Each structure stands twice: as structure tokens, then as C-alpha cells.
N, C-alpha and C. Protein backbone atom coordinates (compact mmCIF):
# COMPACT_ATOMS: atom_id res chain seq x y z
N UNK A 1 3.12 149.78 208.04
CA UNK A 1 4.08 149.58 207.64
C UNK A 1 3.69 147.30 207.29
N UNK A 2 4.41 147.73 206.29
CA UNK A 2 4.24 146.02 205.24
C UNK A 2 5.47 145.54 205.57
N UNK A 3 4.67 143.99 205.61
CA UNK A 3 5.29 142.82 205.97
C UNK A 3 5.93 142.21 205.10
N UNK A 4 7.35 142.11 204.61
CA UNK A 4 7.28 141.21 203.86
C UNK A 4 8.03 139.77 203.69
N UNK A 5 8.05 139.08 203.13
CA UNK A 5 8.70 137.75 202.85
C UNK A 5 10.12 138.09 203.17
N UNK A 6 10.39 136.71 203.86
CA UNK A 6 12.18 137.36 204.36
C UNK A 6 13.01 137.13 202.85
N UNK A 7 12.34 136.13 202.26
CA UNK A 7 13.26 135.80 200.80
C UNK A 7 13.10 137.07 199.77
N UNK A 8 12.24 137.90 199.89
CA UNK A 8 11.76 139.24 199.20
C UNK A 8 12.78 140.06 199.65
N UNK A 9 13.00 139.86 200.74
CA UNK A 9 13.83 141.19 201.38
C UNK A 9 15.28 140.53 201.51
N UNK A 10 15.90 139.25 201.20
CA UNK A 10 16.85 139.11 200.91
C UNK A 10 17.50 138.86 199.76
N UNK A 11 16.69 138.68 198.89
CA UNK A 11 17.12 138.53 197.54
C UNK A 11 15.72 138.56 196.50
N UNK A 12 15.54 140.13 196.56
CA UNK A 12 14.31 140.72 196.09
C UNK A 12 14.34 140.08 194.48
N UNK A 13 15.17 140.05 193.57
CA UNK A 13 15.31 139.87 191.89
C UNK A 13 15.56 138.35 191.81
N UNK A 14 16.03 137.31 192.69
CA UNK A 14 16.33 136.37 192.40
C UNK A 14 15.30 134.79 193.05
N UNK A 15 14.33 135.43 193.53
CA UNK A 15 13.70 134.24 193.94
C UNK A 15 13.37 133.10 193.19
N UNK A 16 13.34 133.14 191.58
CA UNK A 16 13.42 132.36 190.66
C UNK A 16 14.82 131.19 190.57
N UNK A 17 15.76 131.71 191.46
CA UNK A 17 17.29 130.98 191.40
C UNK A 17 17.33 130.27 192.60
N UNK A 18 16.72 130.34 193.64
CA UNK A 18 16.55 129.45 194.68
C UNK A 18 16.83 127.96 194.87
N UNK A 19 15.91 127.54 193.67
CA UNK A 19 16.13 125.92 193.42
C UNK A 19 17.28 125.07 192.46
N UNK A 20 17.84 126.31 191.99
CA UNK A 20 18.99 125.84 191.21
C UNK A 20 20.22 125.40 191.70
N UNK A 21 20.43 123.82 190.91
CA UNK A 21 21.66 123.21 191.91
C UNK A 21 22.86 123.95 191.38
N UNK A 22 23.83 124.09 192.23
CA UNK A 22 25.18 124.32 192.45
C UNK A 22 26.00 123.45 192.39
N UNK A 23 27.52 123.34 192.17
CA UNK A 23 28.29 122.39 192.63
C UNK A 23 29.27 123.40 194.07
N UNK A 24 28.86 122.47 195.08
CA UNK A 24 29.81 122.44 195.72
C UNK A 24 30.79 122.47 196.50
N UNK A 25 32.13 122.89 196.46
CA UNK A 25 33.74 122.44 197.08
C UNK A 25 34.33 122.97 197.98
N UNK A 26 35.07 121.91 198.22
CA UNK A 26 35.96 122.80 199.27
C UNK A 26 37.40 122.14 199.56
N UNK A 27 38.43 123.05 199.38
CA UNK A 27 39.64 122.93 199.10
C UNK A 27 40.80 123.05 200.52
N UNK A 28 40.83 121.08 200.47
CA UNK A 28 41.85 120.79 201.68
C UNK A 28 43.64 121.30 201.79
N UNK A 29 43.58 121.21 200.46
CA UNK A 29 44.91 121.61 200.40
C UNK A 29 45.65 121.36 199.16
N UNK A 30 46.95 122.35 198.85
CA UNK A 30 47.51 121.71 197.50
C UNK A 30 48.81 121.21 197.81
N UNK A 31 49.24 120.52 197.03
CA UNK A 31 51.17 120.84 196.82
C UNK A 31 51.43 119.89 195.83
N UNK A 32 52.79 120.30 195.69
CA UNK A 32 53.61 120.27 193.94
C UNK A 32 54.06 119.09 194.41
N UNK A 33 54.20 117.90 193.35
CA UNK A 33 54.39 117.03 193.15
C UNK A 33 54.91 116.60 192.15
N UNK A 34 56.67 115.89 191.81
CA UNK A 34 56.79 115.43 191.01
C UNK A 34 55.94 114.03 190.14
N UNK A 35 56.09 114.31 188.57
CA UNK A 35 55.77 113.03 188.48
C UNK A 35 56.02 111.65 188.58
N UNK A 36 57.30 111.39 189.31
CA UNK A 36 57.88 110.48 190.03
C UNK A 36 57.53 110.04 190.86
N UNK A 37 57.02 110.68 191.95
CA UNK A 37 56.04 110.59 193.50
C UNK A 37 54.96 110.39 192.89
N UNK A 38 54.43 110.82 192.17
CA UNK A 38 53.01 110.14 191.91
C UNK A 38 52.70 108.84 191.32
N UNK A 39 53.80 108.52 190.58
CA UNK A 39 53.62 107.28 190.35
C UNK A 39 53.95 106.43 190.99
N UNK A 40 54.92 106.57 192.31
CA UNK A 40 54.80 105.54 193.05
C UNK A 40 53.78 105.51 194.44
N UNK A 41 53.00 106.09 194.01
CA UNK A 41 51.69 106.46 194.96
C UNK A 41 51.09 104.73 194.60
N UNK A 42 50.60 104.11 196.17
CA UNK A 42 49.93 102.74 196.04
C UNK A 42 49.08 103.00 196.93
N UNK A 43 47.79 102.15 197.28
CA UNK A 43 47.07 101.89 197.88
C UNK A 43 47.61 102.22 199.56
N UNK A 44 47.48 103.05 199.92
CA UNK A 44 47.40 103.41 201.56
C UNK A 44 48.37 104.54 201.96
N UNK A 45 49.22 105.13 200.73
CA UNK A 45 49.97 106.17 200.47
C UNK A 45 49.26 107.24 201.24
N UNK A 46 50.08 108.13 201.65
CA UNK A 46 49.74 109.30 202.09
C UNK A 46 50.14 110.27 201.95
N UNK A 47 49.35 111.80 201.01
CA UNK A 47 49.96 112.80 200.78
C UNK A 47 49.78 113.25 201.63
N UNK A 48 50.62 114.64 202.19
CA UNK A 48 51.11 115.55 203.13
C UNK A 48 50.47 116.80 202.55
N UNK A 49 49.31 117.31 203.06
CA UNK A 49 49.24 118.49 202.51
C UNK A 49 50.07 119.95 203.40
N UNK A 50 50.57 119.62 203.95
CA UNK A 50 51.35 120.56 205.15
C UNK A 50 50.21 121.88 205.61
N UNK A 51 49.02 121.11 206.04
CA UNK A 51 47.69 121.74 206.88
C UNK A 51 47.85 121.83 207.93
N UNK A 52 47.52 122.23 208.81
CA UNK A 52 47.63 121.55 210.54
C UNK A 52 45.80 121.08 210.32
N UNK A 53 45.66 119.95 210.81
CA UNK A 53 44.58 119.35 211.68
C UNK A 53 43.61 120.49 212.39
N UNK A 54 42.46 120.93 212.22
CA UNK A 54 42.02 121.81 212.77
C UNK A 54 41.66 123.20 211.91
N UNK A 55 42.61 123.64 210.73
CA UNK A 55 42.65 125.00 210.37
C UNK A 55 41.71 124.81 209.41
N UNK A 56 41.35 126.40 209.12
CA UNK A 56 39.89 126.20 208.08
C UNK A 56 40.40 125.88 206.52
N UNK A 57 39.54 125.51 206.33
CA UNK A 57 39.32 125.08 204.62
C UNK A 57 38.23 126.16 204.16
N UNK A 58 38.76 126.26 203.01
CA UNK A 58 37.78 127.62 202.16
C UNK A 58 36.28 126.64 201.29
N UNK A 59 35.51 127.16 200.90
CA UNK A 59 34.08 126.59 200.69
C UNK A 59 34.16 127.71 199.66
N UNK A 60 33.96 126.80 198.47
CA UNK A 60 33.41 127.21 197.12
C UNK A 60 31.89 126.71 196.73
N UNK A 61 31.31 127.69 195.90
CA UNK A 61 30.02 127.38 195.37
C UNK A 61 30.36 127.52 193.66
N UNK A 62 29.92 127.15 192.99
CA UNK A 62 30.27 127.24 191.05
C UNK A 62 31.90 127.92 190.94
N UNK A 63 32.86 127.73 191.44
CA UNK A 63 34.29 127.89 192.05
C UNK A 63 34.15 129.33 192.17
N UNK A 64 33.18 130.08 193.45
CA UNK A 64 33.22 131.33 193.84
C UNK A 64 33.36 130.98 195.09
N UNK A 65 34.36 131.57 196.10
CA UNK A 65 34.46 131.54 197.59
C UNK A 65 32.95 132.29 198.07
N UNK A 66 32.71 131.27 199.59
CA UNK A 66 31.16 131.56 200.01
C UNK A 66 31.63 131.52 201.33
N UNK A 67 32.82 131.23 201.92
CA UNK A 67 33.00 130.89 203.11
C UNK A 67 34.41 130.43 203.77
N UNK A 68 34.55 130.40 204.56
CA UNK A 68 35.49 129.45 205.38
C UNK A 68 34.79 128.47 206.41
N UNK A 69 35.16 127.01 206.49
CA UNK A 69 34.99 125.87 207.46
C UNK A 69 36.09 125.26 208.12
N UNK A 70 35.63 124.42 208.91
CA UNK A 70 37.01 123.31 209.68
C UNK A 70 36.23 122.08 209.25
N UNK A 71 37.04 121.28 208.32
CA UNK A 71 37.05 120.09 208.57
C UNK A 71 37.04 118.73 209.96
N UNK A 72 36.06 118.45 209.75
CA UNK A 72 35.47 117.53 211.00
C UNK A 72 34.88 116.46 210.55
N UNK A 73 35.11 115.17 211.34
CA UNK A 73 34.44 114.08 210.94
C UNK A 73 32.89 113.92 211.62
N UNK A 74 32.08 113.48 210.59
CA UNK A 74 30.62 113.36 211.09
C UNK A 74 29.94 112.31 210.59
N UNK A 75 29.57 111.87 211.66
CA UNK A 75 29.03 110.35 211.02
C UNK A 75 30.12 109.22 210.63
N UNK A 76 31.29 109.30 210.87
CA UNK A 76 32.25 108.73 210.26
C UNK A 76 32.91 108.84 208.90
N UNK A 77 32.09 110.31 207.98
CA UNK A 77 32.45 110.74 207.06
C UNK A 77 32.95 111.96 207.22
N UNK A 78 34.17 112.74 206.50
CA UNK A 78 34.58 113.90 206.49
C UNK A 78 33.26 115.30 206.42
N UNK A 79 33.63 116.29 206.53
CA UNK A 79 32.55 117.08 206.75
C UNK A 79 33.09 117.90 206.96
N UNK A 80 32.45 119.02 206.73
CA UNK A 80 32.95 120.81 206.84
C UNK A 80 32.08 122.09 207.90
N UNK A 81 32.40 122.06 208.62
CA UNK A 81 31.70 123.02 210.10
C UNK A 81 31.67 123.94 209.16
N UNK A 82 30.85 125.03 208.60
CA UNK A 82 30.90 126.28 208.42
C UNK A 82 31.13 127.14 209.79
N UNK A 83 31.98 128.20 209.33
CA UNK A 83 32.72 128.94 210.46
C UNK A 83 32.28 130.40 210.05
N UNK A 84 32.45 130.60 208.80
CA UNK A 84 32.34 132.33 208.57
C UNK A 84 31.59 131.69 207.11
N UNK A 85 30.48 132.64 206.42
CA UNK A 85 29.73 132.29 205.30
C UNK A 85 29.79 133.96 205.03
N UNK A 86 29.59 134.31 203.65
CA UNK A 86 28.86 135.92 203.10
C UNK A 86 27.73 135.73 203.44
N UNK A 87 27.03 136.91 203.41
CA UNK A 87 25.88 137.62 204.08
C UNK A 87 24.76 136.72 202.77
N UNK A 88 23.53 136.99 202.60
CA UNK A 88 23.02 136.37 201.55
C UNK A 88 23.52 137.29 200.38
N UNK A 89 23.21 138.73 200.26
CA UNK A 89 22.79 139.61 199.65
C UNK A 89 24.39 139.41 199.02
N UNK A 90 25.69 139.23 199.25
CA UNK A 90 26.67 139.37 198.92
C UNK A 90 26.81 137.80 197.77
N UNK A 91 26.31 136.66 198.50
CA UNK A 91 26.31 135.23 197.98
C UNK A 91 25.84 135.15 196.69
N UNK A 92 24.91 135.99 196.68
CA UNK A 92 23.76 136.22 195.42
C UNK A 92 24.89 136.90 194.42
N UNK A 93 25.15 137.51 195.10
CA UNK A 93 26.02 138.92 194.21
C UNK A 93 27.01 138.21 193.52
N UNK A 94 27.88 137.43 194.00
CA UNK A 94 29.02 136.80 193.61
C UNK A 94 29.01 135.53 192.77
N UNK A 95 27.77 135.09 193.20
CA UNK A 95 26.97 133.77 192.37
C UNK A 95 26.60 133.91 190.62
N UNK A 96 26.08 135.62 190.76
CA UNK A 96 25.36 135.77 189.74
C UNK A 96 26.40 136.83 188.48
N UNK A 97 27.59 137.19 189.07
CA UNK A 97 28.02 138.57 188.72
C UNK A 97 28.49 137.62 187.17
N UNK A 98 28.84 138.20 186.16
CA UNK A 98 29.79 137.55 184.89
C UNK A 98 31.19 137.86 185.62
N UNK A 99 31.91 136.11 185.08
CA UNK A 99 33.25 136.20 185.33
C UNK A 99 34.03 136.60 184.24
N UNK A 100 35.09 137.51 184.38
CA UNK A 100 35.90 138.55 183.71
C UNK A 100 36.99 137.49 183.19
């Protein structure tokens, strides 16, 4: 039995992509606002995203969903704790397929 490198097994034809930089994004929520409401915003204004604390937030790489996580505070910064992530083969498939 031949022993393969784990990267060969997971992503056989994409090893040259592993150092490619990607755009990571998480969606905390969305809300519709009128222009009047936007123009009245000031420093310290709060925009309620109607999403309960601790609810999951979608995680995207290059505008494609790759999993879900929970918003948390880590060393005084907002962070995402990943709870669900696509497996490596699915991730490569979604990141490299053509957009239609």
C-alpha cells in the first residue's frame, strides 16, 4: 500500500492553489433602511440587525459560502468561531468552479 501525502489525497489537482490569497467575509446581518434613517446616523448610533446574540453567521470565501460560525469576542476583537465547514474537496470544488 502506497502512502500518500494528505494534501495529495484531499486535493489531488489543486496543490498549486494552496498559497492563493482569498477574500474572507462573514455576514452578520442585513436590514433595509430609508435614506432618512441613514442620514440621521451619528457616531454611536446603533443599527439593530434583528439577529439574536449567539446566532450563527454565514462565512464566505470569494463570495461563496463555506460554512457557518458564531460571532464572539476574542482578545477585545470580534471574531468568528467556525461551527460548520465544508470538507476540503467540496471547498475546492465551490471555489474553483465557474460562476454562471
